[in-house]
Each structure stands twice: as C-alpha cells, then as structure tokens.
Amino acid sequence: MSMPDPQVRESQAPTLDLSVVAPAHNEQDNVDRLVEEVGAALKASGLSGEFIIVDDGSTDQTRAKTVALMGSRPWLRCVAMQQTPPGKGNGQSAAFHAGFRAAKGRLIAVLDADLQNDPGELPAMIKLMREQGADMVQGDRSHARKDNAVRRVGSIVGRKVRLWLLGDTIRDTGCSLRVMKREIALQLPLQYKGMHRFIPVMARHLGFKVIEMPVTHRPRIAGETKYGFGIVQRALPGLRDLFAVRWMRERRRPVANAEIVARTGPSVRDSGEQAELREPRTTTAAASR
C-alpha cells in the first residue's frame, strides 16, 4: 500500500499541541521502554499529543512491537519508510522528513530511539521555549558526555569549523533531543542525507530564534550504535555536508508573500475596482540575509 502524498500531509492544519518523533532502525529491545517514557512525558506536559515512531527499514521486530503497543495507546503511531535499501534504512534525515509531515502537532519534538535521550526533559524544554519566546530549544549534552580524548578533540575541531563556515554557535548539534515549532520542521531540507545534523543552524538561517538547554546523556543499554567512529566515516562526509549547508544559506531567498486581490464596492469610483492587500502568510519565515 502506498503512503499518502507528503504534500497533502504538509497542507493539513495541526490538531494537537505536541508531536514527538523518533526514527528507529533495529531498536526492538528499546521500544517498550521508549513508548512508556514518552507516554509519561506527554502526560507530564499537560498537552494534547502523540508519539510517532518512524520505522526506517528495520529487519528485527521494531515495527511489530510498535504496532502491538498501538492497540492500547491511541496516541502512538507508526510510520514506515518505503524503498529502503536491503537490510538498511534511508537514514535519520529522511526519517525525520517523513515523521514531520505525518505529525499533527503545533510543536514537534524529536529524540533518538536508543534511550540515550531522556523524554522526561521535554516538558522543561517546552517551558523554557515559552519563557524565552524561542522557536526552538536544542538539547546540549556536552556537560554530561564522558568521551575519550580523541572524540573530545574531534568535537572541538568540528565546532570551530562550523563556527568559521556557518557562524554556528550551537555546542551540541549532534544531540537529537529538541523541540521546535511546526513551521521550522516543515521548511528543513531533510530529504537530503546528513541534513539532520544541521537542524539548529538551518533554523537560525531561516530567521528563527534557537536557544540551548543542558540535558542528560544516558548510556545505550540495548541494540547497537548506527554510527562509525573513524575519521573517514564521520569527519569527511560531515565536512562535505557542511559546505552544502553553506551553499544553501547563501543561495536561499525570502519566500514570504502576500496576495493582491481586487474588490468592488459602492465607495469605489472610476474603474470600480481597487487593490486590497491580504495579510502576509505567517507560516513561512524569511531567510537569512
């Protein structure tokens, strides 16, 4: 069965306060606890909400376990990625793209399915967003990580390069735990591989206010990491993507617009028509200059 057209989904008005989206590839041993913790976070938030698990080409019981839990949890949904490579997924960027367009929330929160992010921190992030008048709250695990010397040096170098090329001051752009307004999520070019690593800086390039909040970092207790640790596996593809984001920033142009319509009325003279300017659309932010 084919999935609904993503453009149709994108045009639908939100009907909930909050959607939580988690891409999952072979996370069968984490699904039960993940759903329980997200359910508790939704309840604690006091908001109407849902949890969407995006099954990204899993070859284990991730999808089956999710579907089994959906029977007693009307707020739990499963979106299955299509046309995935044999034994693999299409990646986090593509999974986020699909999840965001399936979401019904005015706010969209994201987290990893491996339980290293704590869903219990989402209510505090939403509260901070409101207090600071922000459009996105990005999690920062840098104070809590216990990386070895090689990874620490790599992180420092990576931040300096991103600052130099993109003006990106986000400390932990690799942290998936974040909350954003719906209009941000729908403007991100996540159909391109690797773009999920640049969500905060792309939101800033679009003119949105992004703030950071310290969050915890939990060890993985089940499943296997989906990322390599070598220079070639991580640094070089990341540098290529960084230049792509810089190119998009420099080429992006504002797309906010207002429709001009003609109206007629008894007070209109001469041609019997005059122009009326409708209010500009509010769902599209102007790009950075």
C-alpha atoms as a PDB file:
ATOM      1  CA  MET A   1       0.000   0.000   0.000  1.00  0.00           C
ATOM      2  CA  SER A   2       1.410   3.388  -0.963  1.00  0.00           C
ATOM      3  CA  MET A   3       1.895   6.119   1.609  1.00  0.00           C
ATOM      4  CA  PRO A   4      -0.177   9.344   1.384  1.00  0.00           C
ATOM      5  CA  ASP A   5       1.307  12.158  -0.642  1.00  0.00           C
ATOM      6  CA  PRO A   6       3.657  14.167   1.652  1.00  0.00           C
ATOM      7  CA  GLN A   7       2.472  17.423   0.099  1.00  0.00           C
ATOM      8  CA  VAL A   8      -1.089  16.620   1.183  1.00  0.00           C
ATOM      9  CA  ARG A   9       0.093  15.955   4.700  1.00  0.00           C
ATOM     10  CA  GLU A  10       2.053  19.183   4.798  1.00  0.00           C
ATOM     11  CA  SER A  11      -1.029  21.250   3.998  1.00  0.00           C
ATOM     12  CA  GLN A  12      -3.089  19.790   6.829  1.00  0.00           C
ATOM     13  CA  ALA A  13      -3.659  22.060   9.801  1.00  0.00           C
ATOM     14  CA  PRO A  14      -2.276  20.850  13.153  1.00  0.00           C
ATOM     15  CA  THR A  15      -4.850  19.396  15.535  1.00  0.00           C
ATOM     16  CA  LEU A  16      -2.640  18.625  18.562  1.00  0.00           C
ATOM     17  CA  ASP A  17      -0.300  20.602  20.794  1.00  0.00           C
ATOM     18  CA  LEU A  18       2.727  18.310  20.557  1.00  0.00           C
ATOM     19  CA  SER A  19       4.087  15.549  18.324  1.00  0.00           C
ATOM     20  CA  VAL A  20       7.122  13.536  19.430  1.00  0.00           C
ATOM     21  CA  VAL A  21       9.022  11.897  16.557  1.00  0.00           C
ATOM     22  CA  ALA A  22      11.668   9.180  16.883  1.00  0.00           C
ATOM     23  CA  PRO A  23      13.368   7.424  13.951  1.00  0.00           C
ATOM     24  CA  ALA A  24      14.097   3.768  14.719  1.00  0.00           C
ATOM     25  CA  HIS A  25      16.233   1.209  12.917  1.00  0.00           C
ATOM     26  CA  ASN A  26      16.515  -2.169  14.653  1.00  0.00           C
ATOM     27  CA  GLU A  27      15.591  -0.922  18.129  1.00  0.00           C
ATOM     28  CA  GLN A  28      13.302  -3.806  19.162  1.00  0.00           C
ATOM     29  CA  ASP A  29      14.825  -4.057  22.649  1.00  0.00           C
ATOM     30  CA  ASN A  30      14.223  -0.361  23.348  1.00  0.00           C
ATOM     31  CA  VAL A  31      10.696   0.101  22.007  1.00  0.00           C
ATOM     32  CA  ASP A  32       8.754  -0.897  25.144  1.00  0.00           C
ATOM     33  CA  ARG A  33      10.645   1.417  27.494  1.00  0.00           C
ATOM     34  CA  LEU A  34      10.770   4.204  24.907  1.00  0.00           C
ATOM     35  CA  VAL A  35       6.988   4.209  24.488  1.00  0.00           C
ATOM     36  CA  GLU A  36       6.480   4.108  28.256  1.00  0.00           C
ATOM     37  CA  GLU A  37       8.810   7.056  28.870  1.00  0.00           C
ATOM     38  CA  VAL A  38       7.416   9.187  26.052  1.00  0.00           C
ATOM     39  CA  GLY A  39       3.874   8.458  27.250  1.00  0.00           C
ATOM     40  CA  ALA A  40       4.834   9.667  30.729  1.00  0.00           C
ATOM     41  CA  ALA A  41       6.422  12.817  29.271  1.00  0.00           C
ATOM     42  CA  LEU A  42       3.303  13.603  27.238  1.00  0.00           C
ATOM     43  CA  LYS A  43       1.168  13.241  30.369  1.00  0.00           C
ATOM     44  CA  ALA A  44       3.521  15.447  32.397  1.00  0.00           C
ATOM     45  CA  SER A  45       3.457  18.160  29.730  1.00  0.00           C
ATOM     46  CA  GLY A  46      -0.305  18.637  30.141  1.00  0.00           C
ATOM     47  CA  LEU A  47      -0.586  18.989  26.361  1.00  0.00           C
ATOM     48  CA  SER A  48      -2.558  17.028  23.819  1.00  0.00           C
ATOM     49  CA  GLY A  49      -0.019  14.943  21.992  1.00  0.00           C
ATOM     50  CA  GLU A  50       1.133  11.922  20.057  1.00  0.00           C
ATOM     51  CA  PHE A  51       4.238   9.798  19.607  1.00  0.00           C
ATOM     52  CA  ILE A  52       5.348   8.780  16.121  1.00  0.00           C
ATOM     53  CA  ILE A  53       7.925   6.024  15.714  1.00  0.00           C
ATOM     54  CA  VAL A  54       9.378   6.075  12.193  1.00  0.00           C
ATOM     55  CA  ASP A  55      10.463   2.556  11.296  1.00  0.00           C
ATOM     56  CA  ASP A  56      13.410   3.105   8.994  1.00  0.00           C
ATOM     57  CA  GLY A  57      13.929  -0.252   7.295  1.00  0.00           C
ATOM     58  CA  SER A  58      14.238  -2.345  10.459  1.00  0.00           C
ATOM     59  CA  THR A  59      14.955  -6.042   9.970  1.00  0.00           C
ATOM     60  CA  ASP A  60      14.047  -7.015  13.536  1.00  0.00           C
ATOM     61  CA  GLN A  61      10.766  -6.727  15.495  1.00  0.00           C
ATOM     62  CA  THR A  62      10.811  -2.934  15.889  1.00  0.00           C
ATOM     63  CA  ARG A  63       7.714  -2.396  13.769  1.00  0.00           C
ATOM     64  CA  ALA A  64       5.829  -5.407  15.122  1.00  0.00           C
ATOM     65  CA  LYS A  65       6.427  -4.337  18.726  1.00  0.00           C
ATOM     66  CA  THR A  66       5.326  -0.786  17.964  1.00  0.00           C
ATOM     67  CA  VAL A  67       2.119  -1.971  16.285  1.00  0.00           C
ATOM     68  CA  ALA A  68       1.362  -4.280  19.227  1.00  0.00           C
ATOM     69  CA  LEU A  69       1.623  -1.343  21.638  1.00  0.00           C
ATOM     70  CA  MET A  70      -0.608   0.866  19.479  1.00  0.00           C
ATOM     71  CA  GLY A  71      -3.686  -1.210  20.336  1.00  0.00           C
ATOM     72  CA  SER A  72      -3.912   0.204  23.859  1.00  0.00           C
ATOM     73  CA  ARG A  73      -2.333   3.591  23.139  1.00  0.00           C
ATOM     74  CA  PRO A  74      -4.315   5.757  20.694  1.00  0.00           C
ATOM     75  CA  TRP A  75      -1.622   8.425  20.911  1.00  0.00           C
ATOM     76  CA  LEU A  76       1.033   6.061  19.483  1.00  0.00           C
ATOM     77  CA  ARG A  77       1.569   5.893  15.720  1.00  0.00           C
ATOM     78  CA  CYS A  78       3.955   4.117  13.368  1.00  0.00           C
ATOM     79  CA  VAL A  79       5.221   5.468  10.056  1.00  0.00           C
ATOM     80  CA  ALA A  80       7.134   3.015   7.847  1.00  0.00           C
ATOM     81  CA  MET A  81       9.767   4.261   5.436  1.00  0.00           C
ATOM     82  CA  GLN A  82       9.427   2.866   1.924  1.00  0.00           C
ATOM     83  CA  GLN A  83      12.056   1.950  -0.685  1.00  0.00           C
ATOM     84  CA  THR A  84      14.801   1.376   1.886  1.00  0.00           C
ATOM     85  CA  PRO A  85      17.982  -0.454   0.823  1.00  0.00           C
ATOM     86  CA  PRO A  86      18.020  -4.182   1.745  1.00  0.00           C
ATOM     87  CA  GLY A  87      18.893  -4.507   5.429  1.00  0.00           C
ATOM     88  CA  LYS A  88      19.336  -0.759   5.854  1.00  0.00           C
ATOM     89  CA  GLY A  89      17.330   2.407   6.368  1.00  0.00           C
ATOM     90  CA  ASN A  90      17.213   5.670   4.442  1.00  0.00           C
ATOM     91  CA  GLY A  91      18.816   7.486   7.375  1.00  0.00           C
ATOM     92  CA  GLN A  92      17.746   9.899  10.094  1.00  0.00           C
ATOM     93  CA  SER A  93      17.261  12.876   7.798  1.00  0.00           C
ATOM     94  CA  ALA A  94      14.763  11.026   5.606  1.00  0.00           C
ATOM     95  CA  ALA A  95      13.017   9.534   8.645  1.00  0.00           C
ATOM     96  CA  PHE A  96      12.617  12.964  10.241  1.00  0.00           C
ATOM     97  CA  HIS A  97      11.278  14.338   6.937  1.00  0.00           C
ATOM     98  CA  ALA A  98       8.584  11.649   6.870  1.00  0.00           C
ATOM     99  CA  GLY A  99       7.762  11.952  10.572  1.00  0.00           C
ATOM    100  CA  PHE A 100       7.411  15.731  10.458  1.00  0.00           C
ATOM    101  CA  ARG A 101       4.898  15.522   7.621  1.00  0.00           C
ATOM    102  CA  ALA A 102       2.894  12.885   9.419  1.00  0.00           C
ATOM    103  CA  ALA A 103       2.854  14.926  12.643  1.00  0.00           C
ATOM    104  CA  LYS A 104      -0.313  16.682  13.822  1.00  0.00           C
ATOM    105  CA  GLY A 105       1.276  18.865  16.497  1.00  0.00           C
ATOM    106  CA  ARG A 106       1.815  22.614  16.613  1.00  0.00           C
ATOM    107  CA  LEU A 107       5.099  21.788  18.339  1.00  0.00           C
ATOM    108  CA  ILE A 108       7.336  18.945  17.197  1.00  0.00           C
ATOM    109  CA  ALA A 109       9.849  17.256  19.495  1.00  0.00           C
ATOM    110  CA  VAL A 110      12.464  14.784  18.312  1.00  0.00           C
ATOM    111  CA  LEU A 111      14.659  12.251  20.053  1.00  0.00           C
ATOM    112  CA  ASP A 112      16.645   9.109  19.301  1.00  0.00           C
ATOM    113  CA  ALA A 113      15.012   5.720  19.804  1.00  0.00           C
ATOM    114  CA  ASP A 114      18.051   4.273  21.600  1.00  0.00           C
ATOM    115  CA  LEU A 115      17.027   5.705  25.019  1.00  0.00           C
ATOM    116  CA  GLN A 116      20.154   7.864  25.272  1.00  0.00           C
ATOM    117  CA  ASN A 117      17.869  10.916  25.248  1.00  0.00           C
ATOM    118  CA  ASP A 118      15.531  11.300  28.233  1.00  0.00           C
ATOM    119  CA  PRO A 119      11.943  12.096  27.120  1.00  0.00           C
ATOM    120  CA  GLY A 120      11.267  13.306  30.665  1.00  0.00           C
ATOM    121  CA  GLU A 121      13.119  16.520  29.833  1.00  0.00           C
ATOM    122  CA  LEU A 122      10.653  17.573  27.129  1.00  0.00           C
ATOM    123  CA  PRO A 123       8.213  19.421  29.469  1.00  0.00           C
ATOM    124  CA  ALA A 124      11.086  21.567  30.792  1.00  0.00           C
ATOM    125  CA  MET A 125      12.227  22.322  27.243  1.00  0.00           C
ATOM    126  CA  ILE A 126       8.716  23.437  26.251  1.00  0.00           C
ATOM    127  CA  LYS A 127       8.501  25.608  29.369  1.00  0.00           C
ATOM    128  CA  LEU A 128      11.852  27.243  28.551  1.00  0.00           C
ATOM    129  CA  MET A 129      10.749  27.856  24.965  1.00  0.00           C
ATOM    130  CA  ARG A 130       7.710  29.768  26.182  1.00  0.00           C
ATOM    131  CA  GLU A 131       9.624  31.738  28.814  1.00  0.00           C
ATOM    132  CA  GLN A 132      12.316  32.824  26.348  1.00  0.00           C
ATOM    133  CA  GLY A 133       9.979  33.439  23.416  1.00  0.00           C
ATOM    134  CA  ALA A 134      12.037  30.988  21.362  1.00  0.00           C
ATOM    135  CA  ASP A 135      11.114  28.985  18.282  1.00  0.00           C
ATOM    136  CA  MET A 136      13.367  26.010  19.051  1.00  0.00           C
ATOM    137  CA  VAL A 137      15.099  24.560  22.098  1.00  0.00           C
ATOM    138  CA  GLN A 138      18.165  22.465  21.302  1.00  0.00           C
ATOM    139  CA  GLY A 139      19.478  19.947  23.831  1.00  0.00           C
ATOM    140  CA  ASP A 140      23.112  20.232  24.949  1.00  0.00           C
ATOM    141  CA  ARG A 141      24.802  17.086  26.333  1.00  0.00           C
ATOM    142  CA  SER A 142      28.326  18.496  26.297  1.00  0.00           C
ATOM    143  CA  HIS A 143      28.500  18.834  30.075  1.00  0.00           C
ATOM    144  CA  ALA A 144      27.392  15.233  30.621  1.00  0.00           C
ATOM    145  CA  ARG A 145      29.314  13.265  27.976  1.00  0.00           C
ATOM    146  CA  LYS A 146      32.349  11.230  29.004  1.00  0.00           C
ATOM    147  CA  ASP A 147      34.126  10.915  25.665  1.00  0.00           C
ATOM    148  CA  ASN A 148      37.736   9.865  25.211  1.00  0.00           C
ATOM    149  CA  ALA A 149      40.434  12.378  24.290  1.00  0.00           C
ATOM    150  CA  VAL A 150      40.199  11.693  20.546  1.00  0.00           C
ATOM    151  CA  ARG A 151      36.461  12.354  20.421  1.00  0.00           C
ATOM    152  CA  ARG A 152      36.766  15.459  22.604  1.00  0.00           C
ATOM    153  CA  VAL A 153      39.408  16.941  20.300  1.00  0.00           C
ATOM    154  CA  GLY A 154      37.308  15.995  17.289  1.00  0.00           C
ATOM    155  CA  SER A 155      34.277  17.752  18.778  1.00  0.00           C
ATOM    156  CA  ILE A 156      36.256  20.925  19.469  1.00  0.00           C
ATOM    157  CA  VAL A 157      37.685  20.995  15.944  1.00  0.00           C
ATOM    158  CA  GLY A 158      34.240  20.317  14.489  1.00  0.00           C
ATOM    159  CA  ARG A 159      32.676  23.207  16.420  1.00  0.00           C
ATOM    160  CA  LYS A 160      35.421  25.597  15.298  1.00  0.00           C
ATOM    161  CA  VAL A 161      34.989  24.636  11.648  1.00  0.00           C
ATOM    162  CA  ARG A 162      31.208  25.025  11.868  1.00  0.00           C
ATOM    163  CA  LEU A 163      31.605  28.418  13.536  1.00  0.00           C
ATOM    164  CA  TRP A 164      34.013  29.529  10.803  1.00  0.00           C
ATOM    165  CA  LEU A 165      31.981  28.331   7.837  1.00  0.00           C
ATOM    166  CA  LEU A 166      28.394  28.685   9.081  1.00  0.00           C
ATOM    167  CA  GLY A 167      28.533  31.020  12.068  1.00  0.00           C
ATOM    168  CA  ASP A 168      27.115  28.095  14.059  1.00  0.00           C
ATOM    169  CA  THR A 169      27.484  28.610  17.834  1.00  0.00           C
ATOM    170  CA  ILE A 170      25.411  25.574  18.893  1.00  0.00           C
ATOM    171  CA  ARG A 171      27.542  23.498  21.283  1.00  0.00           C
ATOM    172  CA  ASP A 172      25.957  20.090  20.680  1.00  0.00           C
ATOM    173  CA  THR A 173      24.324  19.989  17.272  1.00  0.00           C
ATOM    174  CA  GLY A 174      24.559  16.184  17.351  1.00  0.00           C
ATOM    175  CA  CYS A 175      22.013  15.959  20.175  1.00  0.00           C
ATOM    176  CA  SER A 176      18.691  14.802  18.730  1.00  0.00           C
ATOM    177  CA  LEU A 177      16.652  15.958  21.735  1.00  0.00           C
ATOM    178  CA  ARG A 178      14.993  19.188  20.672  1.00  0.00           C
ATOM    179  CA  VAL A 179      11.609  20.918  20.454  1.00  0.00           C
ATOM    180  CA  MET A 180      10.626  23.235  17.615  1.00  0.00           C
ATOM    181  CA  LYS A 181       7.643  24.985  16.125  1.00  0.00           C
ATOM    182  CA  ARG A 182       5.943  23.109  13.322  1.00  0.00           C
ATOM    183  CA  GLU A 183       6.794  25.708  10.679  1.00  0.00           C
ATOM    184  CA  ILE A 184      10.511  25.105  11.251  1.00  0.00           C
ATOM    185  CA  ALA A 185      10.215  21.341  10.818  1.00  0.00           C
ATOM    186  CA  LEU A 186       8.373  21.668   7.514  1.00  0.00           C
ATOM    187  CA  GLN A 187      10.958  24.026   5.999  1.00  0.00           C
ATOM    188  CA  LEU A 188      14.052  21.914   6.667  1.00  0.00           C
ATOM    189  CA  PRO A 189      15.578  20.188   3.571  1.00  0.00           C
ATOM    190  CA  LEU A 190      15.695  16.785   5.238  1.00  0.00           C
ATOM    191  CA  GLN A 191      15.159  14.821   2.051  1.00  0.00           C
ATOM    192  CA  TYR A 192      18.937  15.208   1.648  1.00  0.00           C
ATOM    193  CA  LYS A 193      21.235  12.821   3.521  1.00  0.00           C
ATOM    194  CA  GLY A 194      23.017  14.213   6.580  1.00  0.00           C
ATOM    195  CA  MET A 195      20.943  17.381   6.926  1.00  0.00           C
ATOM    196  CA  HIS A 196      19.578  16.335  10.348  1.00  0.00           C
ATOM    197  CA  ARG A 197      22.985  17.270  11.795  1.00  0.00           C
ATOM    198  CA  PHE A 198      22.360  20.902  10.860  1.00  0.00           C
ATOM    199  CA  ILE A 199      18.787  21.416  12.089  1.00  0.00           C
ATOM    200  CA  PRO A 200      19.572  24.169  14.668  1.00  0.00           C
ATOM    201  CA  VAL A 201      21.787  26.258  12.381  1.00  0.00           C
ATOM    202  CA  MET A 202      19.392  25.894   9.439  1.00  0.00           C
ATOM    203  CA  ALA A 203      16.566  27.107  11.686  1.00  0.00           C
ATOM    204  CA  ARG A 204      18.638  30.182  12.525  1.00  0.00           C
ATOM    205  CA  HIS A 205      19.379  30.757   8.849  1.00  0.00           C
ATOM    206  CA  LEU A 206      15.612  30.790   8.295  1.00  0.00           C
ATOM    207  CA  GLY A 207      15.259  33.579  10.852  1.00  0.00           C
ATOM    208  CA  PHE A 208      14.021  31.595  13.866  1.00  0.00           C
ATOM    209  CA  LYS A 209      15.195  32.021  17.459  1.00  0.00           C
ATOM    210  CA  VAL A 210      17.080  28.951  18.690  1.00  0.00           C
ATOM    211  CA  ILE A 211      18.207  28.544  22.304  1.00  0.00           C
ATOM    212  CA  GLU A 212      20.015  25.721  24.104  1.00  0.00           C
ATOM    213  CA  MET A 213      19.283  23.792  27.296  1.00  0.00           C
ATOM    214  CA  PRO A 214      21.561  21.360  29.165  1.00  0.00           C
ATOM    215  CA  VAL A 215      20.195  17.799  29.033  1.00  0.00           C
ATOM    216  CA  THR A 216      21.362  14.419  30.276  1.00  0.00           C
ATOM    217  CA  HIS A 217      23.130  11.784  28.201  1.00  0.00           C
ATOM    218  CA  ARG A 218      22.349   8.171  29.055  1.00  0.00           C
ATOM    219  CA  PRO A 219      24.400   5.136  28.002  1.00  0.00           C
ATOM    220  CA  ARG A 220      22.916   2.785  25.420  1.00  0.00           C
ATOM    221  CA  ILE A 221      21.632  -0.327  27.192  1.00  0.00           C
ATOM    222  CA  ALA A 222      20.407  -2.335  24.191  1.00  0.00           C
ATOM    223  CA  GLY A 223      20.962  -2.527  20.451  1.00  0.00           C
ATOM    224  CA  GLU A 224      23.968  -1.274  18.502  1.00  0.00           C
ATOM    225  CA  THR A 225      25.094   2.208  17.545  1.00  0.00           C
ATOM    226  CA  LYS A 226      24.327   3.137  13.942  1.00  0.00           C
ATOM    227  CA  TYR A 227      27.354   5.394  13.544  1.00  0.00           C
ATOM    228  CA  GLY A 228      31.003   4.732  12.750  1.00  0.00           C
ATOM    229  CA  PHE A 229      33.814   6.256  14.773  1.00  0.00           C
ATOM    230  CA  GLY A 230      36.622   6.730  12.218  1.00  0.00           C
ATOM    231  CA  ILE A 231      37.764   9.976  10.620  1.00  0.00           C
ATOM    232  CA  VAL A 232      36.724   8.856   7.154  1.00  0.00           C
ATOM    233  CA  GLN A 233      33.328   7.612   8.408  1.00  0.00           C
ATOM    234  CA  ARG A 234      32.397  10.780  10.263  1.00  0.00           C
ATOM    235  CA  ALA A 235      34.569  13.833   9.574  1.00  0.00           C
ATOM    236  CA  LEU A 236      34.857  13.841   5.790  1.00  0.00           C
ATOM    237  CA  PRO A 237      31.140  13.296   4.994  1.00  0.00           C
ATOM    238  CA  GLY A 238      30.318  15.886   7.653  1.00  0.00           C
ATOM    239  CA  LEU A 239      32.636  18.433   6.031  1.00  0.00           C
ATOM    240  CA  ARG A 240      31.022  17.825   2.651  1.00  0.00           C
ATOM    241  CA  ASP A 241      27.551  18.350   4.152  1.00  0.00           C
ATOM    242  CA  LEU A 242      28.744  21.492   5.916  1.00  0.00           C
ATOM    243  CA  PHE A 243      29.696  23.068   2.592  1.00  0.00           C
ATOM    244  CA  ALA A 244      26.308  22.048   1.190  1.00  0.00           C
ATOM    245  CA  VAL A 245      24.520  23.852   4.046  1.00  0.00           C
ATOM    246  CA  ARG A 246      26.676  26.919   3.496  1.00  0.00           C
ATOM    247  CA  TRP A 247      25.771  26.890  -0.206  1.00  0.00           C
ATOM    248  CA  MET A 248      22.069  26.669   0.641  1.00  0.00           C
ATOM    249  CA  ARG A 249      22.365  29.520   3.141  1.00  0.00           C
ATOM    250  CA  GLU A 250      23.961  31.810   0.563  1.00  0.00           C
ATOM    251  CA  ARG A 251      21.507  30.858  -2.186  1.00  0.00           C
ATOM    252  CA  ARG A 252      18.325  30.972  -0.098  1.00  0.00           C
ATOM    253  CA  ARG A 253      15.953  33.855  -0.728  1.00  0.00           C
ATOM    254  CA  PRO A 254      12.912  35.077   1.229  1.00  0.00           C
ATOM    255  CA  VAL A 255       9.663  33.478   0.087  1.00  0.00           C
ATOM    256  CA  ALA A 256       7.181  35.302   2.353  1.00  0.00           C
ATOM    257  CA  ASN A 257       4.428  36.788   0.224  1.00  0.00           C
ATOM    258  CA  ALA A 258       1.028  38.445   0.192  1.00  0.00           C
ATOM    259  CA  GLU A 259      -1.680  38.015  -2.431  1.00  0.00           C
ATOM    260  CA  ILE A 260      -3.127  41.154  -4.067  1.00  0.00           C
ATOM    261  CA  VAL A 261      -6.837  40.846  -4.867  1.00  0.00           C
ATOM    262  CA  ALA A 262      -9.364  43.166  -6.484  1.00  0.00           C
ATOM    263  CA  ARG A 263     -12.540  44.169  -4.642  1.00  0.00           C
ATOM    264  CA  THR A 264     -15.615  46.110  -5.656  1.00  0.00           C
ATOM    265  CA  GLY A 265     -17.861  48.272  -3.529  1.00  0.00           C
ATOM    266  CA  PRO A 266     -20.188  51.296  -3.623  1.00  0.00           C
ATOM    267  CA  SER A 267     -17.442  53.666  -2.499  1.00  0.00           C
ATOM    268  CA  VAL A 268     -15.093  52.761  -5.307  1.00  0.00           C
ATOM    269  CA  ARG A 269     -15.007  55.253  -8.209  1.00  0.00           C
ATOM    270  CA  ASP A 270     -13.636  55.254 -11.734  1.00  0.00           C
ATOM    271  CA  SER A 271     -12.846  51.680 -12.728  1.00  0.00           C
ATOM    272  CA  GLY A 272     -14.969  50.251  -9.909  1.00  0.00           C
ATOM    273  CA  GLU A 273     -12.040  48.286  -8.549  1.00  0.00           C
ATOM    274  CA  GLN A 274      -9.293  48.827  -6.052  1.00  0.00           C
ATOM    275  CA  ALA A 275      -6.500  46.638  -4.764  1.00  0.00           C
ATOM    276  CA  GLU A 276      -6.643  45.066  -1.356  1.00  0.00           C
ATOM    277  CA  LEU A 277      -3.569  43.658   0.374  1.00  0.00           C
ATOM    278  CA  ARG A 278      -4.203  40.489   2.351  1.00  0.00           C
ATOM    279  CA  GLU A 279      -2.201  39.766   5.472  1.00  0.00           C
ATOM    280  CA  PRO A 280       1.136  38.066   4.710  1.00  0.00           C
ATOM    281  CA  ARG A 281       1.271  34.343   5.285  1.00  0.00           C
ATOM    282  CA  THR A 282       2.665  33.586   8.732  1.00  0.00           C
ATOM    283  CA  THR A 283       3.842  30.002   8.205  1.00  0.00           C
ATOM    284  CA  THR A 284       6.944  30.940   6.223  1.00  0.00           C
ATOM    285  CA  ALA A 285       9.868  32.742   7.807  1.00  0.00           C
ATOM    286  CA  ALA A 286      12.133  34.984   5.793  1.00  0.00           C
ATOM    287  CA  ALA A 287      15.529  33.552   5.002  1.00  0.00           C
ATOM    288  CA  SER A 288      18.691  34.976   6.451  1.00  0.00           C
ATOM    289  CA  ARG A 289      20.204  37.879   4.642  1.00  0.00           C
END
